[in-house]
């Protein structure tokens, strides 16, 4: 791929599991990010690494 003459071509790639996202831009940097949505079992594992006040805030939220 090439951009307009005299301009740099910038790109960004992000992937998570199967899906991937690519972005291309001429003359200026570009960035993309993709992340898989955590399943129901990931929440408690991640919550264990939070500060106790953050854990309390999460515990106070209604279930989804």
PDB file of N, CA and C in Angstrom:
ATOM      1  N   UNK A   1       0.838  -1.175   0.000  1.00  0.00           N
ATOM      2  CA  UNK A   1       0.000   0.000   0.000  1.00  0.00           C
ATOM      3  C   UNK A   1       0.884   1.238   0.000  1.00  0.00           C
ATOM      4  N   UNK A   2       0.383   2.271  -0.574  1.00  0.00           N
ATOM      5  CA  UNK A   2       1.125   3.525  -0.622  1.00  0.00           C
ATOM      6  C   UNK A   2       0.155   4.681  -0.430  1.00  0.00           C
ATOM      7  N   UNK A   3       0.634   5.714   0.228  1.00  0.00           N
ATOM      8  CA  UNK A   3      -0.163   6.917   0.410  1.00  0.00           C
ATOM      9  C   UNK A   3       0.121   7.892  -0.714  1.00  0.00           C
ATOM     10  N   UNK A   4      -0.395   9.106  -0.594  1.00  0.00           N
ATOM     11  CA  UNK A   4      -0.125  10.127  -1.599  1.00  0.00           C
ATOM     12  C   UNK A   4       1.378  10.377  -1.714  1.00  0.00           C
ATOM     13  N   UNK A   5       1.844  10.767  -2.885  1.00  0.00           N
ATOM     14  CA  UNK A   5       3.278  11.019  -3.060  1.00  0.00           C
ATOM     15  C   UNK A   5       3.804  12.011  -2.033  1.00  0.00           C
ATOM     16  N   UNK A   6       4.919  11.666  -1.409  1.00  0.00           N
ATOM     17  CA  UNK A   6       5.554  12.539  -0.440  1.00  0.00           C
ATOM     18  C   UNK A   6       5.006  12.448   0.970  1.00  0.00           C
ATOM     19  N   UNK A   7       3.960  11.665   1.186  1.00  0.00           N
ATOM     20  CA  UNK A   7       3.392  11.525   2.525  1.00  0.00           C
ATOM     21  C   UNK A   7       3.627  10.109   3.045  1.00  0.00           C
ATOM     22  N   UNK A   8       3.918  10.030   4.321  1.00  0.00           N
ATOM     23  CA  UNK A   8       4.102   8.723   4.935  1.00  0.00           C
ATOM     24  C   UNK A   8       2.755   8.033   5.115  1.00  0.00           C
ATOM     25  N   UNK A   9       2.768   6.715   5.037  1.00  0.00           N
ATOM     26  CA  UNK A   9       1.573   5.936   5.324  1.00  0.00           C
ATOM     27  C   UNK A   9       1.726   5.365   6.724  1.00  0.00           C
ATOM     28  N   UNK A  10       0.778   5.652   7.583  1.00  0.00           N
ATOM     29  CA  UNK A  10       0.796   5.154   8.958  1.00  0.00           C
ATOM     30  C   UNK A  10      -0.222   4.031   9.073  1.00  0.00           C
ATOM     31  N   UNK A  11       0.058   3.074   9.964  1.00  0.00           N
ATOM     32  CA  UNK A  11      -0.902   2.008  10.185  1.00  0.00           C
ATOM     33  C   UNK A  11      -0.878   1.575  11.641  1.00  0.00           C
ATOM     34  N   UNK A  12      -1.946   0.917  12.043  1.00  0.00           N
ATOM     35  CA  UNK A  12      -2.050   0.364  13.384  1.00  0.00           C
ATOM     36  C   UNK A  12      -2.775  -0.959  13.286  1.00  0.00           C
ATOM     37  N   UNK A  13      -2.360  -1.923  14.100  1.00  0.00           N
ATOM     38  CA  UNK A  13      -2.961  -3.252  14.130  1.00  0.00           C
ATOM     39  C   UNK A  13      -3.244  -3.619  15.572  1.00  0.00           C
ATOM     40  N   UNK A  14      -4.428  -4.153  15.815  1.00  0.00           N
ATOM     41  CA  UNK A  14      -4.775  -4.670  17.134  1.00  0.00           C
ATOM     42  C   UNK A  14      -5.519  -5.976  16.916  1.00  0.00           C
ATOM     43  N   UNK A  15      -5.260  -6.966  17.785  1.00  0.00           N
ATOM     44  CA  UNK A  15      -5.991  -8.230  17.686  1.00  0.00           C
ATOM     45  C   UNK A  15      -6.229  -8.790  19.073  1.00  0.00           C
ATOM     46  N   UNK A  16      -7.300  -9.562  19.185  1.00  0.00           N
ATOM     47  CA  UNK A  16      -7.658 -10.175  20.463  1.00  0.00           C
ATOM     48  C   UNK A  16      -8.408 -11.455  20.152  1.00  0.00           C
ATOM     49  N   UNK A  17      -7.771 -12.585  20.405  1.00  0.00           N
ATOM     50  CA  UNK A  17      -8.400 -13.844  20.031  1.00  0.00           C
ATOM     51  C   UNK A  17      -8.485 -13.927  18.529  1.00  0.00           C
ATOM     52  N   UNK A  18      -9.667 -14.101  17.984  1.00  0.00           N
ATOM     53  CA  UNK A  18      -9.854 -14.207  16.540  1.00  0.00           C
ATOM     54  C   UNK A  18      -9.952 -12.873  15.813  1.00  0.00           C
ATOM     55  N   UNK A  19     -10.725 -11.907  16.322  1.00  0.00           N
ATOM     56  CA  UNK A  19     -10.907 -10.644  15.605  1.00  0.00           C
ATOM     57  C   UNK A  19      -9.624  -9.808  15.534  1.00  0.00           C
ATOM     58  N   UNK A  20      -9.509  -9.061  14.459  1.00  0.00           N
ATOM     59  CA  UNK A  20      -8.390  -8.135  14.279  1.00  0.00           C
ATOM     60  C   UNK A  20      -8.937  -6.832  13.703  1.00  0.00           C
ATOM     61  N   UNK A  21      -8.242  -5.744  13.983  1.00  0.00           N
ATOM     62  CA  UNK A  21      -8.641  -4.432  13.487  1.00  0.00           C
ATOM     63  C   UNK A  21      -7.414  -3.743  12.921  1.00  0.00           C
ATOM     64  N   UNK A  22      -7.535  -3.215  11.709  1.00  0.00           N
ATOM     65  CA  UNK A  22      -6.452  -2.492  11.041  1.00  0.00           C
ATOM     66  C   UNK A  22      -6.914  -1.078  10.739  1.00  0.00           C
ATOM     67  N   UNK A  23      -6.004  -0.125  10.847  1.00  0.00           N
ATOM     68  CA  UNK A  23      -6.305   1.256  10.462  1.00  0.00           C
ATOM     69  C   UNK A  23      -5.132   1.795   9.652  1.00  0.00           C
ATOM     70  N   UNK A  24      -5.435   2.570   8.619  1.00  0.00           N
ATOM     71  CA  UNK A  24      -4.425   3.181   7.761  1.00  0.00           C
ATOM     72  C   UNK A  24      -4.735   4.662   7.627  1.00  0.00           C
ATOM     73  N   UNK A  25      -3.707   5.486   7.610  1.00  0.00           N
ATOM     74  CA  UNK A  25      -3.891   6.922   7.432  1.00  0.00           C
ATOM     75  C   UNK A  25      -2.660   7.504   6.765  1.00  0.00           C
ATOM     76  N   UNK A  26      -2.876   8.517   5.967  1.00  0.00           N
ATOM     77  CA  UNK A  26      -1.770   9.219   5.314  1.00  0.00           C
ATOM     78  C   UNK A  26      -1.478  10.484   6.107  1.00  0.00           C
ATOM     79  N   UNK A  27      -0.211  10.765   6.288  1.00  0.00           N
ATOM     80  CA  UNK A  27       0.284  12.027   6.843  1.00  0.00           C
ATOM     81  C   UNK A  27       0.151  12.186   8.356  1.00  0.00           C
ATOM     82  N   UNK A  28      -0.587  11.317   9.043  1.00  0.00           N
ATOM     83  CA  UNK A  28      -0.675  11.459  10.499  1.00  0.00           C
ATOM     84  C   UNK A  28      -0.813  10.086  11.147  1.00  0.00           C
ATOM     85  N   UNK A  29      -0.280   9.964  12.356  1.00  0.00           N
ATOM     86  CA  UNK A  29      -0.375   8.682  13.057  1.00  0.00           C
ATOM     87  C   UNK A  29      -1.829   8.300  13.351  1.00  0.00           C
ATOM     88  N   UNK A  30      -2.072   7.021  13.425  1.00  0.00           N
ATOM     89  CA  UNK A  30      -3.406   6.499  13.697  1.00  0.00           C
ATOM     90  C   UNK A  30      -3.260   5.349  14.689  1.00  0.00           C
ATOM     91  N   UNK A  31      -4.285   5.106  15.484  1.00  0.00           N
ATOM     92  CA  UNK A  31      -4.224   4.012  16.443  1.00  0.00           C
ATOM     93  C   UNK A  31      -5.573   3.348  16.602  1.00  0.00           C
ATOM     94  N   UNK A  32      -5.568   2.035  16.790  1.00  0.00           N
ATOM     95  CA  UNK A  32      -6.792   1.278  17.034  1.00  0.00           C
ATOM     96  C   UNK A  32      -6.551   0.316  18.193  1.00  0.00           C
ATOM     97  N   UNK A  33      -7.625  -0.099  18.823  1.00  0.00           N
ATOM     98  CA  UNK A  33      -7.533  -1.069  19.901  1.00  0.00           C
ATOM     99  C   UNK A  33      -8.784  -1.929  19.893  1.00  0.00           C
ATOM    100  N   UNK A  34      -8.607  -3.227  20.057  1.00  0.00           N
ATOM    101  CA  UNK A  34      -9.724  -4.159  20.147  1.00  0.00           C
ATOM    102  C   UNK A  34      -9.412  -5.122  21.288  1.00  0.00           C
ATOM    103  N   UNK A  35     -10.412  -5.408  22.081  1.00  0.00           N
ATOM    104  CA  UNK A  35     -10.251  -6.346  23.190  1.00  0.00           C
ATOM    105  C   UNK A  35     -11.489  -7.210  23.270  1.00  0.00           C
ATOM    106  N   UNK A  36     -11.288  -8.466  23.640  1.00  0.00           N
ATOM    107  CA  UNK A  36     -12.440  -9.346  23.789  1.00  0.00           C
ATOM    108  C   UNK A  36     -13.214  -8.923  25.038  1.00  0.00           C
ATOM    109  N   UNK A  37     -14.514  -9.128  25.006  1.00  0.00           N
ATOM    110  CA  UNK A  37     -15.348  -8.820  26.159  1.00  0.00           C
ATOM    111  C   UNK A  37     -15.181  -9.967  27.142  1.00  0.00           C
ATOM    112  N   UNK A  38     -14.814  -9.667  28.381  1.00  0.00           N
ATOM    113  CA  UNK A  38     -14.609 -10.750  29.333  1.00  0.00           C
ATOM    114  C   UNK A  38     -15.901 -11.505  29.616  1.00  0.00           C
ATOM    115  N   UNK A  39     -15.769 -12.779  29.819  1.00  0.00           N
ATOM    116  CA  UNK A  39     -16.915 -13.601  30.176  1.00  0.00           C
ATOM    117  C   UNK A  39     -17.278 -13.390  31.635  1.00  0.00           C
ATOM    118  N   UNK A  40     -18.356 -13.999  32.070  1.00  0.00           N
ATOM    119  CA  UNK A  40     -18.826 -13.857  33.434  1.00  0.00           C
ATOM    120  C   UNK A  40     -17.828 -14.329  34.472  1.00  0.00           C
ATOM    121  N   UNK A  41     -16.985 -15.278  34.138  1.00  0.00           N
ATOM    122  CA  UNK A  41     -16.030 -15.807  35.108  1.00  0.00           C
ATOM    123  C   UNK A  41     -14.803 -14.916  35.259  1.00  0.00           C
ATOM    124  N   UNK A  42     -14.538 -14.035  34.301  1.00  0.00           N
ATOM    125  CA  UNK A  42     -13.358 -13.172  34.372  1.00  0.00           C
ATOM    126  C   UNK A  42     -13.505 -12.074  35.417  1.00  0.00           C
ATOM    127  N   UNK A  43     -14.726 -11.627  35.668  1.00  0.00           N
ATOM    128  CA  UNK A  43     -14.961 -10.528  36.595  1.00  0.00           C
ATOM    129  C   UNK A  43     -14.433 -10.783  37.992  1.00  0.00           C
ATOM    130  N   UNK A  44     -14.825 -11.887  38.626  1.00  0.00           N
ATOM    131  CA  UNK A  44     -14.316 -12.146  39.979  1.00  0.00           C
ATOM    132  C   UNK A  44     -12.792 -12.270  40.029  1.00  0.00           C
ATOM    133  N   UNK A  45     -12.201 -12.854  39.002  1.00  0.00           N
ATOM    134  CA  UNK A  45     -10.742 -12.967  38.980  1.00  0.00           C
ATOM    135  C   UNK A  45     -10.090 -11.588  38.918  1.00  0.00           C
ATOM    136  N   UNK A  46     -10.629 -10.702  38.081  1.00  0.00           N
ATOM    137  CA  UNK A  46     -10.069  -9.355  37.956  1.00  0.00           C
ATOM    138  C   UNK A  46     -10.334  -8.539  39.215  1.00  0.00           C
ATOM    139  N   UNK A  47     -11.503  -8.716  39.817  1.00  0.00           N
ATOM    140  CA  UNK A  47     -11.849  -7.937  41.009  1.00  0.00           C
ATOM    141  C   UNK A  47     -10.893  -8.216  42.160  1.00  0.00           C
ATOM    142  N   UNK A  48     -10.341  -9.407  42.212  1.00  0.00           N
ATOM    143  CA  UNK A  48      -9.430  -9.762  43.301  1.00  0.00           C
ATOM    144  C   UNK A  48      -8.170  -8.902  43.287  1.00  0.00           C
ATOM    145  N   UNK A  49      -7.814  -8.341  42.150  1.00  0.00           N
ATOM    146  CA  UNK A  49      -6.600  -7.527  42.064  1.00  0.00           C
ATOM    147  C   UNK A  49      -6.874  -6.035  42.269  1.00  0.00           C
ATOM    148  N   UNK A  50      -8.125  -5.661  42.511  1.00  0.00           N
ATOM    149  CA  UNK A  50      -8.482  -4.260  42.714  1.00  0.00           C
ATOM    150  C   UNK A  50      -8.280  -3.848  44.169  1.00  0.00           C
ATOM    151  N   UNK A  51      -8.214  -2.552  44.392  1.00  0.00           N
ATOM    152  CA  UNK A  51      -8.156  -1.978  45.739  1.00  0.00           C
ATOM    153  C   UNK A  51      -9.462  -2.319  46.457  1.00  0.00           C
ATOM    154  N   UNK A  52      -9.423  -2.409  47.767  1.00  0.00           N
ATOM    155  CA  UNK A  52     -10.620  -2.784  48.530  1.00  0.00           C
ATOM    156  C   UNK A  52     -11.787  -1.809  48.315  1.00  0.00           C
ATOM    157  N   UNK A  53     -11.494  -0.526  48.141  1.00  0.00           N
ATOM    158  CA  UNK A  53     -12.576   0.438  47.857  1.00  0.00           C
ATOM    159  C   UNK A  53     -13.194   0.176  46.484  1.00  0.00           C
ATOM    160  N   UNK A  54     -12.369  -0.184  45.503  1.00  0.00           N
ATOM    161  CA  UNK A  54     -12.888  -0.512  44.171  1.00  0.00           C
ATOM    162  C   UNK A  54     -13.717  -1.792  44.233  1.00  0.00           C
ATOM    163  N   UNK A  55     -13.276  -2.766  45.012  1.00  0.00           N
ATOM    164  CA  UNK A  55     -14.042  -4.001  45.172  1.00  0.00           C
ATOM    165  C   UNK A  55     -15.410  -3.708  45.786  1.00  0.00           C
ATOM    166  N   UNK A  56     -15.448  -2.806  46.766  1.00  0.00           N
ATOM    167  CA  UNK A  56     -16.715  -2.438  47.397  1.00  0.00           C
ATOM    168  C   UNK A  56     -17.654  -1.750  46.402  1.00  0.00           C
ATOM    169  N   UNK A  57     -17.109  -0.879  45.543  1.00  0.00           N
ATOM    170  CA  UNK A  57     -17.928  -0.211  44.524  1.00  0.00           C
ATOM    171  C   UNK A  57     -18.528  -1.238  43.572  1.00  0.00           C
ATOM    172  N   UNK A  58     -17.735  -2.196  43.147  1.00  0.00           N
ATOM    173  CA  UNK A  58     -18.247  -3.241  42.249  1.00  0.00           C
ATOM    174  C   UNK A  58     -19.317  -4.082  42.936  1.00  0.00           C
ATOM    175  N   UNK A  59     -19.088  -4.421  44.184  1.00  0.00           N
ATOM    176  CA  UNK A  59     -20.058  -5.244  44.921  1.00  0.00           C
ATOM    177  C   UNK A  59     -21.394  -4.512  45.079  1.00  0.00           C
ATOM    178  N   UNK A  60     -21.380  -3.185  45.111  1.00  0.00           N
ATOM    179  CA  UNK A  60     -22.606  -2.401  45.289  1.00  0.00           C
ATOM    180  C   UNK A  60     -23.425  -2.272  43.994  1.00  0.00           C
ATOM    181  N   UNK A  61     -22.845  -2.610  42.861  1.00  0.00           N
ATOM    182  CA  UNK A  61     -23.553  -2.505  41.587  1.00  0.00           C
ATOM    183  C   UNK A  61     -24.619  -3.591  41.472  1.00  0.00           C
ATOM    184  N   UNK A  62     -25.764  -3.260  40.807  1.00  0.00           N
ATOM    185  CA  UNK A  62     -26.784  -4.298  40.602  1.00  0.00           C
ATOM    186  C   UNK A  62     -26.275  -5.341  39.594  1.00  0.00           C
ATOM    187  N   UNK A  63     -26.728  -6.580  39.718  1.00  0.00           N
ATOM    188  CA  UNK A  63     -26.289  -7.616  38.759  1.00  0.00           C
ATOM    189  C   UNK A  63     -26.795  -7.294  37.347  1.00  0.00           C
ATOM    190  N   UNK A  64     -26.038  -7.725  36.384  1.00  0.00           N
ATOM    191  CA  UNK A  64     -26.435  -7.505  34.971  1.00  0.00           C
ATOM    192  C   UNK A  64     -26.916  -8.778  34.344  1.00  0.00           C
TER     193      UNK A  64
END
